[in-house]
Protein backbone atom coordinates (compact mmCIF):
# COMPACT_ATOMS: atom_id res chain seq x y z
CA MET A 1 0.00 0.00 0.00
CA LYS A 2 1.25 3.48 -0.93
CA TYR A 3 0.09 6.63 0.83
CA GLU A 4 0.95 10.33 1.13
CA ILE A 5 0.83 12.76 4.04
CA TRP A 6 2.65 15.98 5.06
CA GLY A 7 4.14 16.19 1.56
CA LEU A 8 5.82 12.80 2.05
CA SER A 9 5.22 9.43 0.45
CA GLY A 10 4.96 6.23 2.44
CA THR A 11 4.64 2.46 2.09
CA LEU A 12 2.91 -0.17 4.21
CA ALA A 13 3.47 -3.89 3.58
CA THR A 14 2.53 -7.00 5.56
CA GLU A 15 3.63 -10.62 5.47
CA HIS A 16 0.03 -11.88 5.21
CA GLN A 17 -2.80 -10.29 3.26
CA ASN A 18 -5.21 -10.73 6.18
CA GLN A 19 -3.06 -8.33 8.26
CA MET A 20 -3.56 -5.39 5.94
CA ASP A 21 -6.92 -4.07 7.16
CA TYR A 22 -5.66 -3.86 10.74
CA ALA A 23 -2.32 -2.44 9.60
CA GLU A 24 -4.10 0.34 7.69
CA GLU A 25 -6.30 1.11 10.69
CA ARG A 26 -3.25 1.46 12.97
CA LEU A 27 -1.42 3.53 10.38
CA TRP A 28 -4.18 6.11 10.08
CA TYR A 29 -4.78 6.08 13.81
CA TRP A 30 -1.16 6.97 14.61
CA LEU A 31 -0.90 9.44 11.72
CA ASP A 32 -3.88 11.31 13.16
CA GLN A 33 -2.53 11.14 16.72
CA ILE A 34 0.93 12.42 15.76
CA ASP A 35 -0.57 15.13 13.55
CA GLN A 36 -2.77 16.43 16.36
CA SER A 37 0.03 16.37 18.92
CA CYS A 38 3.25 17.16 17.02
CA ASN A 39 2.47 19.12 13.84
CA ARG A 40 3.97 22.57 14.46
CA PHE A 41 2.19 23.94 11.37
CA ARG A 42 -1.23 23.32 12.97
CA ALA A 43 -2.28 26.15 15.26
CA ASP A 44 -4.48 23.75 17.24
CA SER A 45 -1.83 21.08 17.80
CA GLU A 46 -0.43 20.33 21.24
CA ILE A 47 3.07 21.38 20.26
CA SER A 48 1.82 24.76 19.00
CA ARG A 49 -0.05 25.37 22.24
CA LEU A 50 2.98 24.33 24.28
CA ASN A 51 5.31 26.56 22.24
CA ASP A 52 2.97 29.48 23.00
CA SER A 53 2.57 28.62 26.70
CA ASP A 54 5.06 31.25 28.00
CA GLY A 55 6.58 28.85 30.50
CA VAL A 56 3.26 27.72 32.00
CA LEU A 57 3.07 24.08 33.07
CA THR A 58 0.92 22.41 30.41
CA SER A 59 -0.88 19.06 30.47
CA VAL A 60 -0.07 16.84 27.49
CA SER A 61 -1.61 13.75 25.94
CA ALA A 62 -0.16 10.26 26.11
CA THR A 63 0.83 10.54 22.44
CA PHE A 64 2.67 13.82 22.94
CA GLU A 65 4.46 12.36 25.94
CA LEU A 66 5.55 9.37 23.84
CA ALA A 67 6.85 11.73 21.15
CA LEU A 68 8.69 13.93 23.63
CA ARG A 69 10.33 10.94 25.29
CA ALA A 70 11.40 9.68 21.86
CA ALA A 71 12.95 13.09 21.11
CA LEU A 72 14.80 13.08 24.44
CA GLU A 73 16.04 9.54 23.75
CA ALA A 74 17.35 10.71 20.36
CA ALA A 75 19.09 13.69 21.98
CA ASN A 76 20.71 11.62 24.73
CA ALA A 77 21.92 8.99 22.24
CA THR A 78 23.62 11.55 19.97
CA GLN A 79 25.43 13.87 22.37
CA GLN A 80 22.50 16.32 22.04
CA LEU A 81 23.04 16.74 18.28
CA CYS A 82 19.43 15.74 17.70
CA ASP A 83 18.01 18.64 19.66
CA PRO A 84 14.21 19.04 19.97
CA THR A 85 14.57 22.74 20.91
CA VAL A 86 15.70 23.83 17.42
CA LEU A 87 12.48 25.57 16.35
CA PRO A 88 13.78 29.15 16.81
CA ALA A 89 16.86 28.19 14.79
CA LEU A 90 14.69 26.74 11.98
CA VAL A 91 12.58 29.89 11.90
CA ALA A 92 15.75 32.01 11.68
CA LEU A 93 16.75 29.93 8.65
CA GLY A 94 13.40 30.74 7.03
CA TYR A 95 11.60 27.47 7.80
CA ASP A 96 8.54 29.13 9.37
CA VAL A 97 5.90 27.58 7.11
CA ASP A 98 5.18 24.14 5.70
CA TYR A 99 8.00 23.03 3.38
CA ASN A 100 5.79 22.93 0.28
CA GLU A 101 5.01 26.61 0.80
CA LEU A 102 8.60 27.45 1.69
CA ALA A 103 9.88 25.84 -1.52
CA GLN A 104 7.61 28.14 -3.57
CA ARG A 105 8.86 31.37 -2.01
CA GLU A 106 10.97 33.57 -4.24
CA ILE A 107 12.56 35.43 -1.33
CA VAL A 108 13.56 33.85 1.99
CA GLU A 109 15.25 35.96 4.66
CA LEU A 110 18.20 34.34 6.41
CA LYS A 111 18.41 35.75 9.93
CA LYS A 112 21.19 35.58 12.51
CA PRO A 113 21.64 31.98 13.77
CA VAL A 114 19.84 31.12 17.02
CA LEU A 115 21.45 28.65 19.40
CA PRO A 116 18.92 26.08 20.70
CA LEU A 117 18.48 26.03 24.46
CA GLY A 118 18.89 22.25 24.66
CA VAL A 119 17.03 19.52 26.53
CA SER A 120 17.74 21.07 29.94
CA ALA A 121 15.11 23.68 29.00
CA ILE A 122 12.43 20.98 28.82
CA HIS A 123 10.79 19.82 32.04
CA LEU A 124 8.63 16.71 31.67
CA ASP A 125 6.69 15.59 34.72
CA GLU A 126 5.68 12.01 33.99
CA LYS A 127 3.59 11.77 37.17
CA THR A 128 1.28 14.63 36.21
CA HIS A 129 1.74 14.17 32.43
CA SER A 130 2.68 17.80 31.97
CA VAL A 131 5.49 19.80 30.39
CA GLN A 132 7.04 23.14 31.20
CA LEU A 133 9.42 24.94 28.83
CA ASP A 134 11.96 27.55 29.89
CA GLU A 135 11.52 31.05 28.54
CA ARG A 136 12.24 31.27 24.78
CA CYS A 137 12.30 27.48 24.46
CA GLN A 138 10.25 26.13 21.55
CA LEU A 139 10.08 22.58 20.26
CA ASP A 140 10.16 20.90 16.88
CA LEU A 141 9.59 17.14 17.18
CA GLY A 142 9.02 16.51 13.48
CA SER A 143 11.95 14.22 12.73
CA SER A 144 11.80 11.98 15.78
CA ALA A 145 7.98 11.94 15.79
CA LYS A 146 7.92 10.64 12.21
CA ALA A 147 10.33 7.86 13.16
CA LEU A 148 8.30 7.08 16.28
CA LEU A 149 5.15 6.84 14.19
CA VAL A 150 6.45 4.03 11.97
CA ASP A 151 7.81 2.22 15.04
CA LEU A 152 4.41 2.41 16.74
CA VAL A 153 2.49 1.14 13.73
CA ALA A 154 4.94 -1.71 13.13
CA SER A 155 4.86 -2.78 16.78
CA ASP A 156 1.04 -2.78 16.82
CA VAL A 157 0.85 -5.02 13.73
CA ALA A 158 3.82 -7.32 14.45
CA PRO A 159 1.99 -9.86 16.69
CA SER A 160 0.04 -11.04 13.62
CA GLY A 161 3.09 -11.36 11.33
CA GLY A 162 5.84 -9.47 9.56
CA VAL A 163 5.34 -5.83 8.63
CA VAL A 164 7.21 -2.88 7.14
CA VAL A 165 6.11 0.72 7.64
CA GLU A 166 7.90 3.53 5.80
CA LEU A 167 7.34 7.27 5.71
CA GLY A 168 9.66 9.75 4.06
CA GLY A 169 12.72 7.48 4.33
CA ASP A 170 12.04 6.31 7.89
CA VAL A 171 11.43 2.55 8.00
CA ALA A 172 10.32 0.24 10.82
CA ILE A 173 10.69 -3.50 10.21
CA ARG A 174 9.23 -6.38 12.18
CA GLY A 175 9.51 -10.05 11.28
CA GLN A 176 9.77 -11.35 7.71
CA GLY A 177 8.04 -10.69 4.43
CA PRO A 178 6.13 -13.18 2.24
CA GLU A 179 9.43 -14.39 0.75
CA GLY A 180 11.76 -14.03 3.72
CA ALA A 181 13.77 -10.96 4.67
CA TRP A 182 12.35 -7.59 3.65
CA ALA A 183 14.14 -5.75 0.82
CA ILE A 184 14.45 -2.10 1.87
CA GLY A 185 15.13 0.57 -0.75
CA LEU A 186 17.45 3.48 0.05
CA SER A 187 17.06 6.93 -1.46
CA ASP A 188 18.44 10.38 -0.72
CA SER A 189 15.67 11.94 -2.81
CA LEU A 190 11.95 12.49 -2.25
CA ARG A 191 11.46 11.06 -5.76
CA ILE A 192 11.49 7.27 -5.98
CA THR A 193 12.64 5.74 -9.29
CA GLY A 194 12.68 2.04 -8.40
CA LEU A 195 16.41 1.86 -9.15
CA GLU A 196 17.54 2.68 -5.61
CA PRO A 197 19.93 0.22 -3.92
CA ARG A 198 18.20 -2.36 -1.72
CA VAL A 199 19.31 -4.17 1.40
CA ALA A 200 17.81 -7.18 3.16
CA MET A 201 16.87 -6.32 6.75
CA GLY A 202 15.04 -7.83 9.68
CA ASN A 203 13.71 -6.46 12.96
CA GLY A 204 14.59 -2.87 13.76
CA GLY A 205 14.64 0.38 11.86
CA VAL A 206 16.52 2.13 9.11
CA ALA A 207 16.48 5.85 8.34
CA THR A 208 18.08 8.19 5.84
CA SER A 209 18.92 11.85 6.40
CA SER A 210 20.20 14.12 3.65
CA MET A 211 21.36 17.66 3.09
CA THR A 212 20.05 17.42 -0.49
CA THR A 213 16.35 17.13 0.38
CA ARG A 214 14.23 19.88 1.92
CA THR A 215 16.55 22.65 0.81
CA TRP A 216 15.74 26.25 -0.09
CA ARG A 217 17.61 29.33 -1.24
CA ALA A 218 18.03 32.32 1.03
CA GLY A 219 19.80 34.98 -1.01
CA ASP A 220 22.94 33.36 -2.39
CA VAL A 221 22.91 30.52 0.15
CA VAL A 222 21.33 27.08 -0.28
CA VAL A 223 19.97 26.14 3.16
CA ASN A 224 19.03 22.67 4.39
CA HIS A 225 16.64 21.66 7.18
CA ILE A 226 19.17 19.99 9.48
CA VAL A 227 20.19 22.31 12.31
CA ASP A 228 23.56 22.01 14.02
CA PRO A 229 22.73 22.92 17.65
CA ARG A 230 26.38 23.87 18.24
CA THR A 231 26.08 26.78 15.78
CA GLY A 232 22.37 27.36 15.28
CA SER A 233 23.00 27.17 11.54
CA PHE A 234 22.38 24.42 9.00
CA ALA A 235 24.46 21.27 8.46
CA LYS A 236 27.69 21.73 6.47
CA GLY A 237 29.65 18.50 7.04
CA PRO A 238 31.51 16.20 4.60
CA TYR A 239 28.60 13.79 4.19
CA ALA A 240 25.60 14.69 2.02
CA THR A 241 23.51 11.67 3.00
CA ALA A 242 23.55 9.15 5.83
CA SER A 243 21.56 5.93 6.25
CA VAL A 244 21.69 4.06 9.56
CA ALA A 245 20.20 0.75 10.70
CA ALA A 246 19.48 0.40 14.44
CA ARG A 247 17.19 -1.46 16.82
CA SER A 248 14.40 1.11 16.30
CA CYS A 249 13.59 3.72 13.70
CA VAL A 250 13.78 6.43 16.37
CA LEU A 251 17.45 5.58 16.99
CA ALA A 252 18.19 5.01 13.30
CA ASN A 253 16.78 8.45 12.48
CA ALA A 254 18.72 10.06 15.33
CA PHE A 255 22.06 8.60 14.25
CA ALA A 256 21.44 9.30 10.56
CA THR A 257 20.82 12.95 11.39
CA ALA A 258 23.73 13.20 13.82
CA ALA A 259 26.07 11.56 11.28
CA LEU A 260 25.68 14.62 9.04
CA LEU A 261 26.85 16.78 11.96
CA TRP A 262 29.61 14.54 13.38
CA GLY A 263 31.56 14.91 10.15
CA GLU A 264 34.58 12.63 9.78
CA GLU A 265 33.87 11.07 13.18
CA ALA A 266 30.41 9.89 12.12
CA GLY A 267 31.50 6.35 11.32
CA TYR A 268 33.15 5.98 14.72
CA TYR A 269 30.07 7.09 16.65
CA VAL A 270 27.66 4.95 14.61
CA ALA A 271 29.81 1.84 15.02
CA GLN A 272 30.50 2.48 18.72
CA ALA A 273 26.75 2.56 19.36
CA GLY A 274 26.46 -0.88 17.75
CA TRP A 275 24.67 0.27 14.58
CA SER A 276 25.60 0.09 10.90
CA GLY A 277 25.61 2.90 8.38
CA ARG A 278 25.98 4.00 4.77
CA LEU A 279 27.54 7.47 4.52
CA ILE A 280 27.68 9.27 1.16
CA ARG A 281 30.11 12.14 0.66
CA HIS A 282 29.31 15.14 -1.52
CA ASP A 283 31.41 13.66 -4.34
CA GLY A 284 29.41 10.41 -4.27
CA THR A 285 32.00 8.32 -2.41
CA ILE A 286 30.33 5.85 -0.04
CA ASP A 287 31.70 4.87 3.38
CA PHE A 288 30.20 1.73 4.91
CA VAL A 289 30.15 1.39 8.68
CA GLY A 290 29.62 -1.47 11.13
CA GLY A 291 28.66 -4.39 8.92
CA TRP A 292 26.22 -2.65 6.58
CA PRO A 293 24.41 -5.40 4.60
CA GLU A 294 25.22 -6.20 0.98
CA GLU A 295 23.31 -4.06 -1.50
CA SER A 296 21.52 -5.01 -4.70
CA VAL A 297 19.97 -2.90 -7.45
CA ASN A 298 16.93 -3.77 -9.58
CA ALA A 299 17.79 -3.55 -13.25
């Protein structure tokens, strides 16, 4: 099954045909839940209300709490390079509207970089299910929430058989497909041609982050959507694209994003964490890390 949401394409596949109805129900359930809680472009979403709360302790839903904990897990696993407090930095880069609208703008103003406040500015009270943000702290959970979504759907469906859930390059895998291991396609583009390299993978997650997608021009500068929290500016490292396989899509997404910021040390950090990766330099050279599986290409 193919689907589209938030300007992204996705795929849902199950080992057995009789799983599909339930898989679709869980997919649309979690898409709706994440959209209501974590879509910063919706004025009525939880994250928008929290970002406008002026430091007031705010009750949050179970879904938002799941998404926030996933974002904090991603931050802690990557030396805070995956920082959920980057929204002011994204806005300073011009990313203040949905990407489809941003891409159509003829003029985008590039403002002075804004350093994110970091996870210490987020106060989650799990007993009262509430969150308080320090002054000037604003959240963007988009990347980790998307990865969490596919993990949640896959885990819901897995008891009845193998399943793969993909959205915008984030993939959650559980069990096997109809013919054994799932063949996962890898792309650094939002356009799928069918000629992308494929790898056989089992339980876990795989994610791809790239400086070449979701870019826009601000004056003479081509800006990408990945914020380096150490500078408040956009990613500028030696790798253009990073794919990582890990035990969950949340972690795979976190390390794929951080790999673009770690630079030449990316391979070390990915391997030290126990994951595998495929890192593509700007000249097209590929560095494989930590036992990345053999690739094949459909002719």
